[in-house]
Each structure stands twice: as C-alpha cells, then as structure tokens.
C-alpha atoms as a PDB file:
ATOM      1  CA  UNK A   1     184.558 151.630   3.040  1.00  0.00           C
ATOM      2  CA  UNK A   2     188.254 150.728   3.237  1.00  0.00           C
ATOM      3  CA  UNK A   3     189.064 154.289   4.309  1.00  0.00           C
ATOM      4  CA  UNK A   4     186.435 154.045   7.054  1.00  0.00           C
ATOM      5  CA  UNK A   5     187.926 150.740   8.200  1.00  0.00           C
ATOM      6  CA  UNK A   6     191.457 152.152   8.324  1.00  0.00           C
ATOM      7  CA  UNK A   7     190.205 155.048  10.454  1.00  0.00           C
ATOM      8  CA  UNK A   8     188.331 152.644  12.719  1.00  0.00           C
ATOM      9  CA  UNK A   9     191.483 150.558  13.187  1.00  0.00           C
ATOM     10  CA  UNK A  10     193.432 153.688  14.138  1.00  0.00           C
ATOM     11  CA  UNK A  11     190.665 154.643  16.568  1.00  0.00           C
ATOM     12  CA  UNK A  12     190.800 151.194  18.174  1.00  0.00           C
ATOM     13  CA  UNK A  13     194.564 151.484  18.602  1.00  0.00           C
ATOM     14  CA  UNK A  14     194.107 154.904  20.193  1.00  0.00           C
ATOM     15  CA  UNK A  15     191.434 153.604  22.567  1.00  0.00           C
ATOM     16  CA  UNK A  16     193.581 150.633  23.598  1.00  0.00           C
ATOM     17  CA  UNK A  17     196.308 153.122  24.498  1.00  0.00           C
ATOM     18  CA  UNK A  18     193.851 155.253  26.494  1.00  0.00           C
ATOM     19  CA  UNK A  19     192.815 152.115  28.397  1.00  0.00           C
ATOM     20  CA  UNK A  20     196.505 151.362  28.995  1.00  0.00           C
ATOM     21  CA  UNK A  21     196.024 148.072  27.140  1.00  0.00           C
ATOM     22  CA  UNK A  22     198.638 148.690  24.418  1.00  0.00           C
ATOM     23  CA  UNK A  23     201.635 146.430  24.985  1.00  0.00           C
ATOM     24  CA  UNK A  24     205.110 147.495  23.919  1.00  0.00           C
ATOM     25  CA  UNK A  25     206.304 143.881  23.898  1.00  0.00           C
ATOM     26  CA  UNK A  26     204.577 141.302  21.726  1.00  0.00           C
ATOM     27  CA  UNK A  27     203.489 137.972  23.184  1.00  0.00           C
ATOM     28  CA  UNK A  28     205.595 134.907  22.529  1.00  0.00           C
ATOM     29  CA  UNK A  29     205.356 133.112  19.188  1.00  0.00           C
ATOM     30  CA  UNK A  30     203.708 130.231  21.022  1.00  0.00           C
ATOM     31  CA  UNK A  31     201.001 132.494  22.454  1.00  0.00           C
ATOM     32  CA  UNK A  32     200.315 133.962  19.022  1.00  0.00           C
ATOM     33  CA  UNK A  33     200.121 130.493  17.461  1.00  0.00           C
ATOM     34  CA  UNK A  34     197.140 129.416  19.552  1.00  0.00           C
ATOM     35  CA  UNK A  35     194.473 127.558  17.627  1.00  0.00           C
ATOM     36  CA  UNK A  36     191.695 128.630  19.994  1.00  0.00           C
ATOM     37  CA  UNK A  37     189.265 131.342  18.825  1.00  0.00           C
ATOM     38  CA  UNK A  38     190.657 134.777  19.704  1.00  0.00           C
ATOM     39  CA  UNK A  39     193.658 132.996  21.277  1.00  0.00           C
ATOM     40  CA  UNK A  40     191.510 132.846  24.386  1.00  0.00           C
ATOM     41  CA  UNK A  41     193.861 130.360  26.005  1.00  0.00           C
ATOM     42  CA  UNK A  42     197.011 132.472  25.571  1.00  0.00           C
ATOM     43  CA  UNK A  43     196.055 136.149  25.134  1.00  0.00           C
ATOM     44  CA  UNK A  44     193.776 138.702  26.726  1.00  0.00           C
ATOM     45  CA  UNK A  45     191.314 140.280  24.281  1.00  0.00           C
ATOM     46  CA  UNK A  46     193.264 143.584  24.042  1.00  0.00           C
ATOM     47  CA  UNK A  47     196.393 141.616  23.116  1.00  0.00           C
ATOM     48  CA  UNK A  48     194.502 139.674  20.459  1.00  0.00           C
ATOM     49  CA  UNK A  49     193.176 142.940  19.036  1.00  0.00           C
ATOM     50  CA  UNK A  50     196.626 144.526  18.994  1.00  0.00           C
ATOM     51  CA  UNK A  51     198.717 141.650  17.743  1.00  0.00           C
ATOM     52  CA  UNK A  52     196.349 139.658  15.536  1.00  0.00           C
ATOM     53  CA  UNK A  53     193.103 141.431  14.592  1.00  0.00           C
ATOM     54  CA  UNK A  54     194.389 144.941  13.838  1.00  0.00           C
ATOM     55  CA  UNK A  55     197.472 143.878  11.827  1.00  0.00           C
ATOM     56  CA  UNK A  56     195.586 141.200   9.891  1.00  0.00           C
ATOM     57  CA  UNK A  57     192.714 143.501   8.922  1.00  0.00           C
ATOM     58  CA  UNK A  58     195.122 146.331   8.132  1.00  0.00           C
ATOM     59  CA  UNK A  59     197.103 144.102   5.767  1.00  0.00           C
ATOM     60  CA  UNK A  60     193.913 142.906   4.064  1.00  0.00           C
ATOM     61  CA  UNK A  61     192.897 146.513   3.437  1.00  0.00           C
ATOM     62  CA  UNK A  62     196.321 147.689   2.251  1.00  0.00           C
ATOM     63  CA  UNK A  63     196.762 144.721  -0.099  1.00  0.00           C
ATOM     64  CA  UNK A  64     193.154 145.010  -1.308  1.00  0.00           C
ATOM     65  CA  UNK A  65     192.378 141.447  -0.282  1.00  0.00           C
ATOM     66  CA  UNK A  66     188.777 140.348   0.208  1.00  0.00           C
ATOM     67  CA  UNK A  67     187.497 141.404   3.600  1.00  0.00           C
ATOM     68  CA  UNK A  68     185.486 139.197   5.941  1.00  0.00           C
ATOM     69  CA  UNK A  69     181.784 139.239   5.069  1.00  0.00           C
ATOM     70  CA  UNK A  70     180.750 139.049   8.684  1.00  0.00           C
ATOM     71  CA  UNK A  71     182.323 140.175  11.922  1.00  0.00           C
ATOM     72  CA  UNK A  72     181.179 139.906  15.519  1.00  0.00           C
ATOM     73  CA  UNK A  73     183.904 141.216  17.799  1.00  0.00           C
ATOM     74  CA  UNK A  74     181.813 143.631  19.910  1.00  0.00           C
ATOM     75  CA  UNK A  75     179.937 140.929  21.881  1.00  0.00           C
ATOM     76  CA  UNK A  76     183.248 139.334  22.818  1.00  0.00           C
ATOM     77  CA  UNK A  77     184.506 142.709  24.049  1.00  0.00           C
ATOM     78  CA  UNK A  78     181.305 143.218  26.049  1.00  0.00           C
ATOM     79  CA  UNK A  79     181.881 139.899  27.768  1.00  0.00           C
ATOM     80  CA  UNK A  80     185.569 140.667  28.355  1.00  0.00           C
ATOM     81  CA  UNK A  81     184.885 144.045  29.979  1.00  0.00           C
ATOM     82  CA  UNK A  82     182.026 142.641  32.047  1.00  0.00           C
ATOM     83  CA  UNK A  83     184.722 140.799  34.007  1.00  0.00           C
ATOM     84  CA  UNK A  84     187.121 143.723  34.459  1.00  0.00           C
ATOM     85  CA  UNK A  85     187.055 146.972  36.385  1.00  0.00           C
ATOM     86  CA  UNK A  86     187.659 148.981  33.201  1.00  0.00           C
ATOM     87  CA  UNK A  87     185.015 150.902  31.324  1.00  0.00           C
ATOM     88  CA  UNK A  88     185.488 149.562  27.822  1.00  0.00           C
ATOM     89  CA  UNK A  89     182.352 151.103  26.316  1.00  0.00           C
ATOM     90  CA  UNK A  90     184.257 153.361  23.909  1.00  0.00           C
ATOM     91  CA  UNK A  91     186.232 150.375  22.618  1.00  0.00           C
ATOM     92  CA  UNK A  92     183.061 148.280  22.370  1.00  0.00           C
ATOM     93  CA  UNK A  93     181.455 151.066  20.328  1.00  0.00           C
ATOM     94  CA  UNK A  94     184.430 151.131  17.952  1.00  0.00           C
ATOM     95  CA  UNK A  95     184.310 147.365  17.555  1.00  0.00           C
ATOM     96  CA  UNK A  96     180.562 147.577  16.896  1.00  0.00           C
ATOM     97  CA  UNK A  97     181.351 150.020  14.097  1.00  0.00           C
ATOM     98  CA  UNK A  98     183.870 147.545  12.607  1.00  0.00           C
ATOM     99  CA  UNK A  99     181.299 144.758  12.902  1.00  0.00           C
ATOM    100  CA  UNK A 100     178.730 146.879  11.057  1.00  0.00           C
ATOM    101  CA  UNK A 101     181.136 147.956   8.315  1.00  0.00           C
ATOM    102  CA  UNK A 102     182.253 144.408   7.593  1.00  0.00           C
ATOM    103  CA  UNK A 103     178.842 142.799   7.950  1.00  0.00           C
ATOM    104  CA  UNK A 104     177.193 145.255   5.554  1.00  0.00           C
ATOM    105  CA  UNK A 105     179.872 145.277   2.851  1.00  0.00           C
END
C-alpha cells in the first residue's frame, strides 16, 4: 500500500501543476503555523496540500511511521472547487483514492 500511496502523492503533485496551483515560493512560517484545520485561515487548499499534506504523508511513508487510519480530504476539495472556476475533478478523484487507501489500511 505504501507504494500506491507514494504514486498517488506524485499524481496529486502532477495534477496541482496541471491546474497551475503549484507554488514555487512557500507560504510564510506564520501561515504554515496556523492551528485551524487545513490552515483554512491562512492557506488555500492547494497550498495546504503542497506544503503540509504531501510532505507530511511522504515523510510518514519514507520513515515507515504509522499512517492515519482514516482520511477525508476529497469532500474538502469538492467544497473548495465548488467555489472556483477550475475543474478540479481529477484532483478530487486522486484525493478520493488517498482517502480510500488510508481508510481501508
């Protein structure tokens, strides 16, 4: 499953780049230190995925740390894209796959 997760993370990165949502400059340390879920008060969802979710999950996999037993990112992405002009369905599908992998491990 870890191999599938690593591939899914790479696919999410690729899709963020396709959507032109991959930032070359990280947010400030203050923005990343938000205590709100998904840093909703300081980051857009694509930024949270890029700078918090992807690196954190990647490190957990690489260092063979226990993975979350449950994940529910796809509904948040559905809500995010409902309020934008972008078609984020491919990204939502990838996040659904991550949710399923982690929730069924």
